Amino acid sequence: MAGRKMTGGPTEKFDATDEVKAFCEEVRQEVEKKVGQDKVKVYKALHYRSQLVAGTNYFVKVQIDDDGKCLHLRLFEPLPCNKDANSTRNVELANVLDDKKVEDELEYF
């Protein structure tokens, strides 16, 4: 059963795509406000996993300094029929885990 995706569970880890990087940029100011702008020296999306729910959850590892400190972001992309017609954003920041390292596993949270 190795390599099979559990229905409703997160996918395997992938390198961050241009789309995922753009999603991270959309929420960057909100992320910096939550963790403190002074902690964010770089902002580089490295890896992601996704989960199909009533929309899509993205779990993204974002490097924030040159020493390997990272954040884990959970972003939510609603289904097109549920998007706010007045919003210019594609995703919402659902949660942030601070004090992570590059080698930490990216897991559901």
N, C-alpha and C. Protein backbone atom coordinates (compact mmCIF):
# COMPACT_ATOMS: atom_id res chain seq x y z
N MET A 1 0.81 -1.19 0.00
CA MET A 1 0.00 0.00 0.00
C MET A 1 0.87 1.27 0.00
N ALA A 2 2.17 1.11 0.01
CA ALA A 2 3.07 2.27 -0.01
C ALA A 2 2.84 3.09 -1.26
N GLY A 3 2.87 4.41 -1.09
CA GLY A 3 2.72 5.30 -2.22
C GLY A 3 1.27 5.63 -2.55
N ARG A 4 0.31 4.93 -1.94
CA ARG A 4 -1.09 5.24 -2.20
C ARG A 4 -1.55 6.37 -1.29
N LYS A 5 -2.40 7.20 -1.83
CA LYS A 5 -2.92 8.33 -1.08
C LYS A 5 -4.20 7.93 -0.36
N MET A 6 -4.27 8.23 0.92
CA MET A 6 -5.48 7.98 1.68
C MET A 6 -6.53 9.02 1.27
N THR A 7 -7.75 8.57 1.01
CA THR A 7 -8.81 9.49 0.63
C THR A 7 -8.97 10.54 1.72
N GLY A 8 -8.92 11.80 1.31
CA GLY A 8 -9.06 12.90 2.26
C GLY A 8 -7.78 13.25 2.99
N GLY A 9 -6.75 12.42 2.83
CA GLY A 9 -5.48 12.67 3.50
C GLY A 9 -4.57 13.53 2.64
N PRO A 10 -3.51 14.06 3.25
CA PRO A 10 -2.58 14.89 2.48
C PRO A 10 -1.74 14.05 1.51
N THR A 11 -1.32 14.69 0.43
CA THR A 11 -0.48 14.04 -0.57
C THR A 11 0.93 13.88 -0.03
N GLU A 12 1.76 13.25 -0.84
CA GLU A 12 3.19 13.20 -0.52
C GLU A 12 3.77 14.61 -0.66
N LYS A 13 5.01 14.79 -0.26
CA LYS A 13 5.67 16.10 -0.33
C LYS A 13 6.20 16.34 -1.74
N PHE A 14 6.01 17.56 -2.22
CA PHE A 14 6.50 17.99 -3.52
C PHE A 14 7.30 19.27 -3.36
N ASP A 15 8.19 19.55 -4.31
CA ASP A 15 8.86 20.85 -4.35
C ASP A 15 7.81 21.91 -4.64
N ALA A 16 7.98 23.08 -4.05
CA ALA A 16 7.02 24.17 -4.24
C ALA A 16 6.95 24.57 -5.71
N THR A 17 5.76 24.63 -6.22
CA THR A 17 5.52 25.06 -7.60
C THR A 17 5.39 26.58 -7.65
N ASP A 18 5.38 27.13 -8.85
CA ASP A 18 5.18 28.57 -8.99
C ASP A 18 3.84 29.00 -8.39
N GLU A 19 2.82 28.17 -8.56
CA GLU A 19 1.50 28.49 -8.01
C GLU A 19 1.56 28.55 -6.48
N VAL A 20 2.19 27.57 -5.85
CA VAL A 20 2.30 27.53 -4.39
C VAL A 20 3.13 28.71 -3.89
N LYS A 21 4.20 29.04 -4.60
CA LYS A 21 5.01 30.20 -4.23
C LYS A 21 4.18 31.48 -4.30
N ALA A 22 3.35 31.61 -5.33
CA ALA A 22 2.49 32.79 -5.46
C ALA A 22 1.47 32.85 -4.32
N PHE A 23 0.91 31.69 -3.93
CA PHE A 23 -0.01 31.65 -2.80
C PHE A 23 0.68 32.16 -1.53
N CYS A 24 1.92 31.72 -1.33
CA CYS A 24 2.67 32.16 -0.14
C CYS A 24 2.90 33.66 -0.15
N GLU A 25 3.17 34.21 -1.31
CA GLU A 25 3.37 35.66 -1.43
C GLU A 25 2.08 36.41 -1.10
N GLU A 26 0.94 35.84 -1.47
CA GLU A 26 -0.35 36.48 -1.18
C GLU A 26 -0.56 36.70 0.31
N VAL A 27 -0.05 35.79 1.13
CA VAL A 27 -0.29 35.87 2.57
C VAL A 27 0.93 36.34 3.35
N ARG A 28 1.98 36.75 2.65
CA ARG A 28 3.24 37.10 3.31
C ARG A 28 3.08 38.16 4.40
N GLN A 29 2.38 39.24 4.12
CA GLN A 29 2.23 40.30 5.13
C GLN A 29 1.52 39.77 6.38
N GLU A 30 0.52 38.95 6.18
CA GLU A 30 -0.21 38.36 7.31
C GLU A 30 0.69 37.42 8.11
N VAL A 31 1.52 36.65 7.42
CA VAL A 31 2.47 35.75 8.08
C VAL A 31 3.46 36.56 8.90
N GLU A 32 4.05 37.60 8.29
CA GLU A 32 5.03 38.42 9.00
C GLU A 32 4.41 39.10 10.22
N LYS A 33 3.16 39.49 10.13
CA LYS A 33 2.48 40.10 11.27
C LYS A 33 2.32 39.10 12.41
N LYS A 34 2.00 37.84 12.07
CA LYS A 34 1.81 36.81 13.09
C LYS A 34 3.11 36.41 13.79
N VAL A 35 4.20 36.28 13.04
CA VAL A 35 5.45 35.77 13.63
C VAL A 35 6.44 36.87 13.98
N GLY A 36 6.19 38.07 13.49
CA GLY A 36 7.11 39.18 13.71
C GLY A 36 7.97 39.39 12.48
N GLN A 37 7.84 40.53 11.88
CA GLN A 37 8.54 40.82 10.62
C GLN A 37 10.05 40.69 10.77
N ASP A 38 10.58 40.99 11.96
CA ASP A 38 12.02 40.92 12.19
C ASP A 38 12.57 39.50 12.11
N LYS A 39 11.71 38.47 12.28
CA LYS A 39 12.14 37.07 12.18
C LYS A 39 12.31 36.60 10.75
N VAL A 40 11.68 37.31 9.81
CA VAL A 40 11.65 36.87 8.41
C VAL A 40 12.75 37.58 7.62
N LYS A 41 13.88 36.90 7.48
CA LYS A 41 15.03 37.46 6.74
C LYS A 41 14.94 37.11 5.25
N VAL A 42 14.48 35.92 4.97
CA VAL A 42 14.18 35.47 3.61
C VAL A 42 12.77 34.88 3.66
N TYR A 43 12.20 34.63 2.53
CA TYR A 43 10.84 34.06 2.48
C TYR A 43 10.77 33.20 1.24
N LYS A 44 11.11 31.92 1.43
CA LYS A 44 11.24 31.03 0.28
C LYS A 44 10.45 29.75 0.51
N ALA A 45 9.41 29.55 -0.29
CA ALA A 45 8.63 28.32 -0.22
C ALA A 45 9.48 27.17 -0.74
N LEU A 46 9.62 26.11 0.06
CA LEU A 46 10.46 24.98 -0.31
C LEU A 46 9.66 23.77 -0.78
N HIS A 47 8.74 23.32 0.06
CA HIS A 47 7.99 22.09 -0.21
C HIS A 47 6.53 22.31 0.18
N TYR A 48 5.68 21.44 -0.35
CA TYR A 48 4.27 21.49 0.04
C TYR A 48 3.64 20.11 -0.05
N ARG A 49 2.55 19.99 0.64
CA ARG A 49 1.63 18.86 0.53
C ARG A 49 0.26 19.49 0.38
N SER A 50 -0.67 18.78 -0.22
CA SER A 50 -2.02 19.32 -0.34
C SER A 50 -3.03 18.28 0.12
N GLN A 51 -4.22 18.77 0.40
CA GLN A 51 -5.31 17.91 0.86
C GLN A 51 -6.60 18.46 0.29
N LEU A 52 -7.32 17.61 -0.41
CA LEU A 52 -8.59 18.00 -0.99
C LEU A 52 -9.68 17.85 0.07
N VAL A 53 -10.32 18.95 0.38
CA VAL A 53 -11.45 18.97 1.33
C VAL A 53 -12.58 19.69 0.59
N ALA A 54 -13.28 20.60 1.21
CA ALA A 54 -14.27 21.43 0.51
C ALA A 54 -13.51 22.63 -0.06
N GLY A 55 -12.51 22.32 -0.84
CA GLY A 55 -11.50 23.24 -1.35
C GLY A 55 -10.18 22.49 -1.23
N THR A 56 -9.08 23.20 -1.12
CA THR A 56 -7.77 22.55 -0.99
C THR A 56 -6.98 23.19 0.14
N ASN A 57 -6.48 22.36 1.05
CA ASN A 57 -5.51 22.79 2.05
C ASN A 57 -4.12 22.60 1.46
N TYR A 58 -3.27 23.60 1.65
CA TYR A 58 -1.86 23.49 1.28
C TYR A 58 -1.05 23.62 2.55
N PHE A 59 -0.17 22.66 2.79
CA PHE A 59 0.77 22.70 3.91
C PHE A 59 2.12 23.02 3.28
N VAL A 60 2.67 24.18 3.61
CA VAL A 60 3.85 24.67 2.92
C VAL A 60 4.98 24.96 3.90
N LYS A 61 6.17 24.46 3.57
CA LYS A 61 7.37 24.77 4.35
C LYS A 61 8.03 25.99 3.71
N VAL A 62 8.19 27.07 4.52
CA VAL A 62 8.77 28.31 4.03
C VAL A 62 10.01 28.63 4.86
N GLN A 63 11.14 28.72 4.19
CA GLN A 63 12.39 29.08 4.87
C GLN A 63 12.39 30.58 5.15
N ILE A 64 12.79 30.97 6.40
CA ILE A 64 12.74 32.39 6.77
C ILE A 64 14.09 32.99 7.14
N ASP A 65 15.15 32.17 7.13
CA ASP A 65 16.49 32.74 7.33
C ASP A 65 17.53 31.81 6.71
N ASP A 66 18.77 32.26 6.69
CA ASP A 66 19.84 31.47 6.05
C ASP A 66 20.36 30.34 6.93
N ASP A 67 19.90 30.27 8.19
CA ASP A 67 20.33 29.21 9.10
C ASP A 67 19.39 28.02 9.09
N GLY A 68 18.39 28.01 8.22
CA GLY A 68 17.49 26.86 8.10
C GLY A 68 16.23 26.95 8.92
N LYS A 69 15.95 28.11 9.53
CA LYS A 69 14.68 28.26 10.24
C LYS A 69 13.55 28.33 9.23
N CYS A 70 12.44 27.71 9.59
CA CYS A 70 11.29 27.65 8.69
C CYS A 70 10.00 27.90 9.43
N LEU A 71 8.99 28.17 8.67
CA LEU A 71 7.61 28.19 9.13
C LEU A 71 6.86 27.12 8.35
N HIS A 72 5.84 26.56 8.95
CA HIS A 72 4.93 25.71 8.22
C HIS A 72 3.62 26.48 8.13
N LEU A 73 3.15 26.68 6.91
CA LEU A 73 1.91 27.41 6.67
C LEU A 73 0.83 26.44 6.24
N ARG A 74 -0.37 26.67 6.72
CA ARG A 74 -1.53 25.97 6.17
C ARG A 74 -2.37 27.02 5.47
N LEU A 75 -2.50 26.86 4.16
CA LEU A 75 -3.28 27.77 3.34
C LEU A 75 -4.52 27.04 2.87
N PHE A 76 -5.59 27.77 2.72
CA PHE A 76 -6.83 27.17 2.25
C PHE A 76 -7.30 27.88 0.99
N GLU A 77 -7.52 27.11 -0.07
CA GLU A 77 -8.07 27.62 -1.32
C GLU A 77 -9.50 27.11 -1.45
N PRO A 78 -10.48 27.99 -1.29
CA PRO A 78 -11.87 27.52 -1.39
C PRO A 78 -12.23 27.12 -2.82
N LEU A 79 -13.25 26.32 -2.93
CA LEU A 79 -13.77 25.97 -4.25
C LEU A 79 -14.25 27.25 -4.93
N PRO A 80 -14.19 27.30 -6.26
CA PRO A 80 -14.61 28.52 -6.97
C PRO A 80 -16.02 28.99 -6.58
N CYS A 81 -16.92 28.06 -6.34
CA CYS A 81 -18.30 28.44 -5.99
C CYS A 81 -18.39 29.04 -4.59
N ASN A 82 -17.35 28.87 -3.77
CA ASN A 82 -17.36 29.39 -2.40
C ASN A 82 -16.46 30.61 -2.22
N LYS A 83 -15.80 31.05 -3.27
CA LYS A 83 -14.91 32.21 -3.16
C LYS A 83 -15.72 33.49 -3.02
N ASP A 84 -15.18 34.40 -2.23
CA ASP A 84 -15.77 35.72 -2.08
C ASP A 84 -15.55 36.49 -3.38
N ALA A 85 -16.61 36.90 -4.02
CA ALA A 85 -16.51 37.59 -5.32
C ALA A 85 -15.74 38.90 -5.21
N ASN A 86 -15.69 39.49 -4.03
CA ASN A 86 -15.01 40.77 -3.84
C ASN A 86 -13.54 40.62 -3.44
N SER A 87 -13.11 39.40 -3.18
CA SER A 87 -11.73 39.17 -2.74
C SER A 87 -10.78 39.05 -3.93
N THR A 88 -9.61 39.63 -3.78
CA THR A 88 -8.58 39.50 -4.81
C THR A 88 -7.63 38.36 -4.48
N ARG A 89 -7.82 37.72 -3.33
CA ARG A 89 -6.95 36.62 -2.90
C ARG A 89 -7.46 35.29 -3.41
N ASN A 90 -6.50 34.40 -3.66
CA ASN A 90 -6.85 33.03 -4.05
C ASN A 90 -6.88 32.09 -2.86
N VAL A 91 -6.12 32.43 -1.80
CA VAL A 91 -6.02 31.57 -0.63
C VAL A 91 -6.17 32.37 0.65
N GLU A 92 -6.46 31.65 1.73
CA GLU A 92 -6.55 32.24 3.07
C GLU A 92 -5.48 31.58 3.93
N LEU A 93 -4.88 32.35 4.82
CA LEU A 93 -3.94 31.80 5.78
C LEU A 93 -4.75 31.19 6.91
N ALA A 94 -4.66 29.88 7.08
CA ALA A 94 -5.43 29.18 8.10
C ALA A 94 -4.64 28.99 9.39
N ASN A 95 -3.31 28.78 9.28
CA ASN A 95 -2.51 28.53 10.48
C ASN A 95 -1.03 28.67 10.14
N VAL A 96 -0.23 28.95 11.17
CA VAL A 96 1.22 29.06 11.04
C VAL A 96 1.86 28.32 12.20
N LEU A 97 2.83 27.47 11.89
CA LEU A 97 3.66 26.85 12.92
C LEU A 97 5.04 27.47 12.84
N ASP A 98 5.50 28.02 13.95
CA ASP A 98 6.78 28.72 14.03
C ASP A 98 7.84 27.76 14.59
N ASP A 99 9.08 28.20 14.60
CA ASP A 99 10.20 27.45 15.18
C ASP A 99 10.39 26.09 14.55
N LYS A 100 10.31 26.02 13.24
CA LYS A 100 10.58 24.80 12.49
C LYS A 100 11.93 24.92 11.82
N LYS A 101 12.49 23.79 11.43
CA LYS A 101 13.77 23.74 10.73
C LYS A 101 13.56 23.08 9.37
N VAL A 102 14.53 23.26 8.48
CA VAL A 102 14.45 22.70 7.13
C VAL A 102 14.24 21.19 7.19
N GLU A 103 14.89 20.52 8.14
CA GLU A 103 14.80 19.05 8.20
C GLU A 103 13.51 18.54 8.83
N ASP A 104 12.70 19.40 9.45
CA ASP A 104 11.44 18.97 10.06
C ASP A 104 10.46 18.50 8.99
N GLU A 105 9.76 17.40 9.30
CA GLU A 105 8.76 16.86 8.39
C GLU A 105 7.60 17.83 8.26
N LEU A 106 7.07 17.93 7.08
CA LEU A 106 5.89 18.75 6.80
C LEU A 106 4.68 17.84 6.95
N GLU A 107 3.93 18.05 8.04
CA GLU A 107 2.81 17.17 8.35
C GLU A 107 1.53 17.96 8.47
N TYR A 108 0.44 17.24 8.51
CA TYR A 108 -0.87 17.84 8.69
C TYR A 108 -0.93 18.56 10.04
N PHE A 109 -1.47 19.74 10.07
CA PHE A 109 -1.72 20.45 11.33
C PHE A 109 -2.93 21.34 11.18
